[in-house]
Amino acid sequence: MMNHVKNILERSAFGVCNYLGEKMGIASARVRVYFIYISFVALGSPIIFYLFVAFWLNIKQYVKRKRNAIWQ
């Protein structure tokens, strides 16, 4: 049950922490913990960065999907 809830939350969180963890070569759980700590220290300003990256990843996937549809 808890794994099901965890999977739903991770999918709905745009996968930003997972993406950053893969790019930096560290576990996504560690990225999430760092993000939480930094949010407390910086009074929530990293949330703007998080939303920007989520938007960027969403646009990037949309462009890839459209590009593949043209060449097929």
PDB file of N, CA and C in Angstrom:
ATOM      1  N   MET A   1       0.819  -1.190   0.000  1.00  0.00           N
ATOM      2  CA  MET A   1       0.000   0.000   0.000  1.00  0.00           C
ATOM      3  C   MET A   1       0.865   1.257   0.000  1.00  0.00           C
ATOM      4  N   MET A   2       1.882   1.266   0.849  1.00  0.00           N
ATOM      5  CA  MET A   2       2.749   2.444   0.930  1.00  0.00           C
ATOM      6  C   MET A   2       3.549   2.632  -0.360  1.00  0.00           C
ATOM      7  N   ASN A   3       3.979   1.534  -0.978  1.00  0.00           N
ATOM      8  CA  ASN A   3       4.703   1.645  -2.245  1.00  0.00           C
ATOM      9  C   ASN A   3       3.814   2.211  -3.337  1.00  0.00           C
ATOM     10  N   HIS A   4       2.540   1.841  -3.324  1.00  0.00           N
ATOM     11  CA  HIS A   4       1.585   2.367  -4.308  1.00  0.00           C
ATOM     12  C   HIS A   4       1.425   3.874  -4.134  1.00  0.00           C
ATOM     13  N   VAL A   5       1.273   4.320  -2.892  1.00  0.00           N
ATOM     14  CA  VAL A   5       1.152   5.762  -2.613  1.00  0.00           C
ATOM     15  C   VAL A   5       2.433   6.483  -3.005  1.00  0.00           C
ATOM     16  N   LYS A   6       3.573   5.890  -2.699  1.00  0.00           N
ATOM     17  CA  LYS A   6       4.865   6.494  -3.048  1.00  0.00           C
ATOM     18  C   LYS A   6       5.007   6.638  -4.557  1.00  0.00           C
ATOM     19  N   ASN A   7       4.628   5.618  -5.320  1.00  0.00           N
ATOM     20  CA  ASN A   7       4.720   5.687  -6.783  1.00  0.00           C
ATOM     21  C   ASN A   7       3.817   6.767  -7.347  1.00  0.00           C
ATOM     22  N   ILE A   8       2.617   6.892  -6.808  1.00  0.00           N
ATOM     23  CA  ILE A   8       1.704   7.933  -7.278  1.00  0.00           C
ATOM     24  C   ILE A   8       2.279   9.315  -6.995  1.00  0.00           C
ATOM     25  N   LEU A   9       2.814   9.523  -5.802  1.00  0.00           N
ATOM     26  CA  LEU A   9       3.390  10.826  -5.459  1.00  0.00           C
ATOM     27  C   LEU A   9       4.604  11.154  -6.309  1.00  0.00           C
ATOM     28  N   GLU A  10       5.440  10.165  -6.585  1.00  0.00           N
ATOM     29  CA  GLU A  10       6.621  10.409  -7.398  1.00  0.00           C
ATOM     30  C   GLU A  10       6.243  10.738  -8.840  1.00  0.00           C
ATOM     31  N   ARG A  11       5.247  10.064  -9.387  1.00  0.00           N
ATOM     32  CA  ARG A  11       4.813  10.369 -10.759  1.00  0.00           C
ATOM     33  C   ARG A  11       4.169  11.737 -10.847  1.00  0.00           C
ATOM     34  N   SER A  12       3.435  12.124  -9.807  1.00  0.00           N
ATOM     35  CA  SER A  12       2.755  13.408  -9.857  1.00  0.00           C
ATOM     36  C   SER A  12       3.687  14.572  -9.553  1.00  0.00           C
ATOM     37  N   ALA A  13       4.879  14.287  -9.090  1.00  0.00           N
ATOM     38  CA  ALA A  13       5.841  15.341  -8.769  1.00  0.00           C
ATOM     39  C   ALA A  13       6.751  15.636  -9.959  1.00  0.00           C
ATOM     40  N   PHE A  14       6.330  15.272 -11.166  1.00  0.00           N
ATOM     41  CA  PHE A  14       7.006  15.584 -12.416  1.00  0.00           C
ATOM     42  C   PHE A  14       8.325  14.869 -12.621  1.00  0.00           C
ATOM     43  N   GLY A  15       8.839  14.122 -11.674  1.00  0.00           N
ATOM     44  CA  GLY A  15      10.087  13.404 -11.835  1.00  0.00           C
ATOM     45  C   GLY A  15      11.320  14.285 -11.826  1.00  0.00           C
ATOM     46  N   VAL A  16      11.210  15.478 -11.273  1.00  0.00           N
ATOM     47  CA  VAL A  16      12.334  16.411 -11.276  1.00  0.00           C
ATOM     48  C   VAL A  16      13.489  15.873 -10.448  1.00  0.00           C
ATOM     49  N   CYS A  17      13.209  15.393  -9.247  1.00  0.00           N
ATOM     50  CA  CYS A  17      14.281  14.888  -8.394  1.00  0.00           C
ATOM     51  C   CYS A  17      14.937  13.662  -9.009  1.00  0.00           C
ATOM     52  N   ASN A  18      14.156  12.810  -9.634  1.00  0.00           N
ATOM     53  CA  ASN A  18      14.707  11.636 -10.299  1.00  0.00           C
ATOM     54  C   ASN A  18      15.620  12.056 -11.451  1.00  0.00           C
ATOM     55  N   TYR A  19      15.168  13.016 -12.250  1.00  0.00           N
ATOM     56  CA  TYR A  19      15.959  13.502 -13.379  1.00  0.00           C
ATOM     57  C   TYR A  19      17.278  14.117 -12.898  1.00  0.00           C
ATOM     58  N   LEU A  20      17.203  14.971 -11.885  1.00  0.00           N
ATOM     59  CA  LEU A  20      18.419  15.596 -11.367  1.00  0.00           C
ATOM     60  C   LEU A  20      19.358  14.558 -10.759  1.00  0.00           C
ATOM     61  N   GLY A  21      18.802  13.561 -10.075  1.00  0.00           N
ATOM     62  CA  GLY A  21      19.626  12.500  -9.498  1.00  0.00           C
ATOM     63  C   GLY A  21      20.351  11.698 -10.558  1.00  0.00           C
ATOM     64  N   GLU A  22      19.653  11.398 -11.658  1.00  0.00           N
ATOM     65  CA  GLU A  22      20.300  10.662 -12.748  1.00  0.00           C
ATOM     66  C   GLU A  22      21.403  11.490 -13.394  1.00  0.00           C
ATOM     67  N   LYS A  23      21.161  12.765 -13.600  1.00  0.00           N
ATOM     68  CA  LYS A  23      22.163  13.624 -14.240  1.00  0.00           C
ATOM     69  C   LYS A  23      23.390  13.807 -13.369  1.00  0.00           C
ATOM     70  N   MET A  24      23.198  13.902 -12.035  1.00  0.00           N
ATOM     71  CA  MET A  24      24.322  14.104 -11.126  1.00  0.00           C
ATOM     72  C   MET A  24      24.929  12.800 -10.639  1.00  0.00           C
ATOM     73  N   GLY A  25      24.267  11.678 -10.916  1.00  0.00           N
ATOM     74  CA  GLY A  25      24.808  10.381 -10.520  1.00  0.00           C
ATOM     75  C   GLY A  25      24.609  10.052  -9.051  1.00  0.00           C
ATOM     76  N   ILE A  26      23.571  10.600  -8.426  1.00  0.00           N
ATOM     77  CA  ILE A  26      23.279  10.276  -7.034  1.00  0.00           C
ATOM     78  C   ILE A  26      21.827   9.806  -6.932  1.00  0.00           C
ATOM     79  N   ALA A  27      21.468   9.234  -5.806  1.00  0.00           N
ATOM     80  CA  ALA A  27      20.128   8.692  -5.607  1.00  0.00           C
ATOM     81  C   ALA A  27      19.097   9.821  -5.571  1.00  0.00           C
ATOM     82  N   SER A  28      17.944   9.558  -6.161  1.00  0.00           N
ATOM     83  CA  SER A  28      16.898  10.584  -6.191  1.00  0.00           C
ATOM     84  C   SER A  28      16.372  10.881  -4.786  1.00  0.00           C
ATOM     85  N   ALA A  29      16.418   9.899  -3.880  1.00  0.00           N
ATOM     86  CA  ALA A  29      15.987  10.140  -2.500  1.00  0.00           C
ATOM     87  C   ALA A  29      16.884  11.182  -1.832  1.00  0.00           C
ATOM     88  N   ARG A  30      18.171  11.124  -2.120  1.00  0.00           N
ATOM     89  CA  ARG A  30      19.103  12.098  -1.545  1.00  0.00           C
ATOM     90  C   ARG A  30      18.832  13.493  -2.110  1.00  0.00           C
ATOM     91  N   VAL A  31      18.489  13.575  -3.391  1.00  0.00           N
ATOM     92  CA  VAL A  31      18.155  14.863  -4.002  1.00  0.00           C
ATOM     93  C   VAL A  31      16.911  15.441  -3.338  1.00  0.00           C
ATOM     94  N   ARG A  32      15.926  14.597  -3.068  1.00  0.00           N
ATOM     95  CA  ARG A  32      14.705  15.064  -2.402  1.00  0.00           C
ATOM     96  C   ARG A  32      15.001  15.610  -1.015  1.00  0.00           C
ATOM     97  N   VAL A  33      15.839  14.887  -0.263  1.00  0.00           N
ATOM     98  CA  VAL A  33      16.185  15.340   1.087  1.00  0.00           C
ATOM     99  C   VAL A  33      16.924  16.673   1.021  1.00  0.00           C
ATOM    100  N   TYR A  34      17.882  16.809   0.117  1.00  0.00           N
ATOM    101  CA  TYR A  34      18.596  18.078  -0.031  1.00  0.00           C
ATOM    102  C   TYR A  34      17.646  19.201  -0.429  1.00  0.00           C
ATOM    103  N   PHE A  35      16.711  18.895  -1.316  1.00  0.00           N
ATOM    104  CA  PHE A  35      15.751  19.907  -1.736  1.00  0.00           C
ATOM    105  C   PHE A  35      14.911  20.380  -0.551  1.00  0.00           C
ATOM    106  N   ILE A  36      14.491  19.461   0.296  1.00  0.00           N
ATOM    107  CA  ILE A  36      13.703  19.830   1.480  1.00  0.00           C
ATOM    108  C   ILE A  36      14.526  20.693   2.422  1.00  0.00           C
ATOM    109  N   TYR A  37      15.779  20.307   2.676  1.00  0.00           N
ATOM    110  CA  TYR A  37      16.634  21.088   3.564  1.00  0.00           C
ATOM    111  C   TYR A  37      16.882  22.491   3.007  1.00  0.00           C
ATOM    112  N   ILE A  38      17.172  22.563   1.734  1.00  0.00           N
ATOM    113  CA  ILE A  38      17.435  23.865   1.119  1.00  0.00           C
ATOM    114  C   ILE A  38      16.181  24.731   1.130  1.00  0.00           C
ATOM    115  N   SER A  39      15.022  24.128   0.956  1.00  0.00           N
ATOM    116  CA  SER A  39      13.773  24.896   0.993  1.00  0.00           C
ATOM    117  C   SER A  39      13.552  25.531   2.361  1.00  0.00           C
ATOM    118  N   PHE A  40      13.885  24.802   3.424  1.00  0.00           N
ATOM    119  CA  PHE A  40      13.738  25.372   4.763  1.00  0.00           C
ATOM    120  C   PHE A  40      14.735  26.500   4.999  1.00  0.00           C
ATOM    121  N   VAL A  41      15.964  26.311   4.567  1.00  0.00           N
ATOM    122  CA  VAL A  41      17.003  27.316   4.795  1.00  0.00           C
ATOM    123  C   VAL A  41      16.749  28.568   3.950  1.00  0.00           C
ATOM    124  N   ALA A  42      16.333  28.378   2.715  1.00  0.00           N
ATOM    125  CA  ALA A  42      16.157  29.508   1.800  1.00  0.00           C
ATOM    126  C   ALA A  42      14.712  30.012   1.774  1.00  0.00           C
ATOM    127  N   LEU A  43      13.911  29.604   2.739  1.00  0.00           N
ATOM    128  CA  LEU A  43      12.526  30.062   2.882  1.00  0.00           C
ATOM    129  C   LEU A  43      11.667  29.789   1.660  1.00  0.00           C
ATOM    130  N   GLY A  44      11.848  28.638   1.046  1.00  0.00           N
ATOM    131  CA  GLY A  44      10.969  28.201  -0.034  1.00  0.00           C
ATOM    132  C   GLY A  44      11.339  28.664  -1.422  1.00  0.00           C
ATOM    133  N   SER A  45      12.396  29.428  -1.597  1.00  0.00           N
ATOM    134  CA  SER A  45      12.743  29.907  -2.939  1.00  0.00           C
ATOM    135  C   SER A  45      13.150  28.793  -3.910  1.00  0.00           C
ATOM    136  N   PRO A  46      13.667  27.649  -3.474  1.00  0.00           N
ATOM    137  CA  PRO A  46      13.960  26.573  -4.436  1.00  0.00           C
ATOM    138  C   PRO A  46      12.720  26.013  -5.115  1.00  0.00           C
ATOM    139  N   ILE A  47      11.559  26.300  -4.580  1.00  0.00           N
ATOM    140  CA  ILE A  47      10.326  25.824  -5.215  1.00  0.00           C
ATOM    141  C   ILE A  47      10.189  26.436  -6.603  1.00  0.00           C
ATOM    142  N   ILE A  48      10.622  27.674  -6.778  1.00  0.00           N
ATOM    143  CA  ILE A  48      10.591  28.316  -8.091  1.00  0.00           C
ATOM    144  C   ILE A  48      11.488  27.553  -9.057  1.00  0.00           C
ATOM    145  N   PHE A  49      12.683  27.172  -8.616  1.00  0.00           N
ATOM    146  CA  PHE A  49      13.606  26.380  -9.433  1.00  0.00           C
ATOM    147  C   PHE A  49      12.977  25.037  -9.791  1.00  0.00           C
ATOM    148  N   TYR A  50      12.338  24.389  -8.810  1.00  0.00           N
ATOM    149  CA  TYR A  50      11.702  23.093  -9.029  1.00  0.00           C
ATOM    150  C   TYR A  50      10.615  23.202 -10.095  1.00  0.00           C
ATOM    151  N   LEU A  51       9.768  24.214  -9.999  1.00  0.00           N
ATOM    152  CA  LEU A  51       8.697  24.392 -10.977  1.00  0.00           C
ATOM    153  C   LEU A  51       9.251  24.702 -12.360  1.00  0.00           C
ATOM    154  N   PHE A  52      10.340  25.476 -12.432  1.00  0.00           N
ATOM    155  CA  PHE A  52      10.967  25.772 -13.717  1.00  0.00           C
ATOM    156  C   PHE A  52      11.492  24.499 -14.366  1.00  0.00           C
ATOM    157  N   VAL A  53      12.170  23.656 -13.603  1.00  0.00           N
ATOM    158  CA  VAL A  53      12.706  22.399 -14.145  1.00  0.00           C
ATOM    159  C   VAL A  53      11.556  21.477 -14.559  1.00  0.00           C
ATOM    160  N   ALA A  54      10.491  21.425 -13.775  1.00  0.00           N
ATOM    161  CA  ALA A  54       9.335  20.596 -14.132  1.00  0.00           C
ATOM    162  C   ALA A  54       8.734  21.067 -15.451  1.00  0.00           C
ATOM    163  N   PHE A  55       8.608  22.380 -15.617  1.00  0.00           N
ATOM    164  CA  PHE A  55       8.084  22.933 -16.858  1.00  0.00           C
ATOM    165  C   PHE A  55       9.009  22.591 -18.024  1.00  0.00           C
ATOM    166  N   TRP A  56      10.305  22.734 -17.819  1.00  0.00           N
ATOM    167  CA  TRP A  56      11.288  22.444 -18.863  1.00  0.00           C
ATOM    168  C   TRP A  56      11.235  20.972 -19.287  1.00  0.00           C
ATOM    169  N   LEU A  57      11.148  20.060 -18.321  1.00  0.00           N
ATOM    170  CA  LEU A  57      11.082  18.637 -18.642  1.00  0.00           C
ATOM    171  C   LEU A  57       9.800  18.304 -19.399  1.00  0.00           C
ATOM    172  N   ASN A  58       8.711  18.947 -19.030  1.00  0.00           N
ATOM    173  CA  ASN A  58       7.444  18.709 -19.708  1.00  0.00           C
ATOM    174  C   ASN A  58       7.514  19.188 -21.159  1.00  0.00           C
ATOM    175  N   ILE A  59       8.069  20.355 -21.391  1.00  0.00           N
ATOM    176  CA  ILE A  59       8.218  20.883 -22.750  1.00  0.00           C
ATOM    177  C   ILE A  59       9.177  20.012 -23.553  1.00  0.00           C
ATOM    178  N   LYS A  60      10.251  19.566 -22.922  1.00  0.00           N
ATOM    179  CA  LYS A  60      11.246  18.718 -23.593  1.00  0.00           C
ATOM    180  C   LYS A  60      10.611  17.408 -24.067  1.00  0.00           C
ATOM    181  N   GLN A  61       9.777  16.786 -23.240  1.00  0.00           N
ATOM    182  CA  GLN A  61       9.092  15.558 -23.639  1.00  0.00           C
ATOM    183  C   GLN A  61       8.099  15.828 -24.765  1.00  0.00           C
ATOM    184  N   TYR A  62       7.414  16.947 -24.713  1.00  0.00           N
ATOM    185  CA  TYR A  62       6.451  17.305 -25.752  1.00  0.00           C
ATOM    186  C   TYR A  62       7.152  17.487 -27.094  1.00  0.00           C
ATOM    187  N   VAL A  63       8.296  18.160 -27.096  1.00  0.00           N
ATOM    188  CA  VAL A  63       9.042  18.396 -28.336  1.00  0.00           C
ATOM    189  C   VAL A  63       9.570  17.079 -28.888  1.00  0.00           C
ATOM    190  N   LYS A  64      10.081  16.199 -28.026  1.00  0.00           N
ATOM    191  CA  LYS A  64      10.574  14.897 -28.487  1.00  0.00           C
ATOM    192  C   LYS A  64       9.459  14.085 -29.119  1.00  0.00           C
ATOM    193  N   ARG A  65       8.282  14.104 -28.525  1.00  0.00           N
ATOM    194  CA  ARG A  65       7.153  13.349 -29.051  1.00  0.00           C
ATOM    195  C   ARG A  65       6.734  13.886 -30.413  1.00  0.00           C
ATOM    196  N   LYS A  66       6.694  15.194 -30.564  1.00  0.00           N
ATOM    197  CA  LYS A  66       6.311  15.791 -31.845  1.00  0.00           C
ATOM    198  C   LYS A  66       7.378  15.519 -32.906  1.00  0.00           C
ATOM    199  N   ARG A  67       8.636  15.602 -32.559  1.00  0.00           N
ATOM    200  CA  ARG A  67       9.723  15.371 -33.493  1.00  0.00           C
ATOM    201  C   ARG A  67       9.700  13.941 -34.007  1.00  0.00           C
ATOM    202  N   ASN A  68       9.450  12.981 -33.113  1.00  0.00           N
ATOM    203  CA  ASN A  68       9.384  11.587 -33.521  1.00  0.00           C
ATOM    204  C   ASN A  68       8.190  11.323 -34.424  1.00  0.00           C
ATOM    205  N   ALA A  69       7.084  12.007 -34.195  1.00  0.00           N
ATOM    206  CA  ALA A  69       5.892  11.805 -35.010  1.00  0.00           C
ATOM    207  C   ALA A  69       6.108  12.304 -36.433  1.00  0.00           C
ATOM    208  N   ILE A  70       6.919  13.320 -36.604  1.00  0.00           N
ATOM    209  CA  ILE A  70       7.171  13.877 -37.940  1.00  0.00           C
ATOM    210  C   ILE A  70       8.013  12.909 -38.771  1.00  0.00           C
ATOM    211  N   TRP A  71       9.001  12.279 -38.171  1.00  0.00           N
ATOM    212  CA  TRP A  71       9.952  11.445 -38.918  1.00  0.00           C
ATOM    213  C   TRP A  71       9.462  10.016 -39.121  1.00  0.00           C
ATOM    214  N   GLN A  72       8.329   9.666 -38.584  1.00  0.00           N
ATOM    215  CA  GLN A  72       7.853   8.289 -38.740  1.00  0.00           C
ATOM    216  C   GLN A  72       6.974   8.130 -39.915  1.00  0.00           C
TER     217      GLN A  72
END
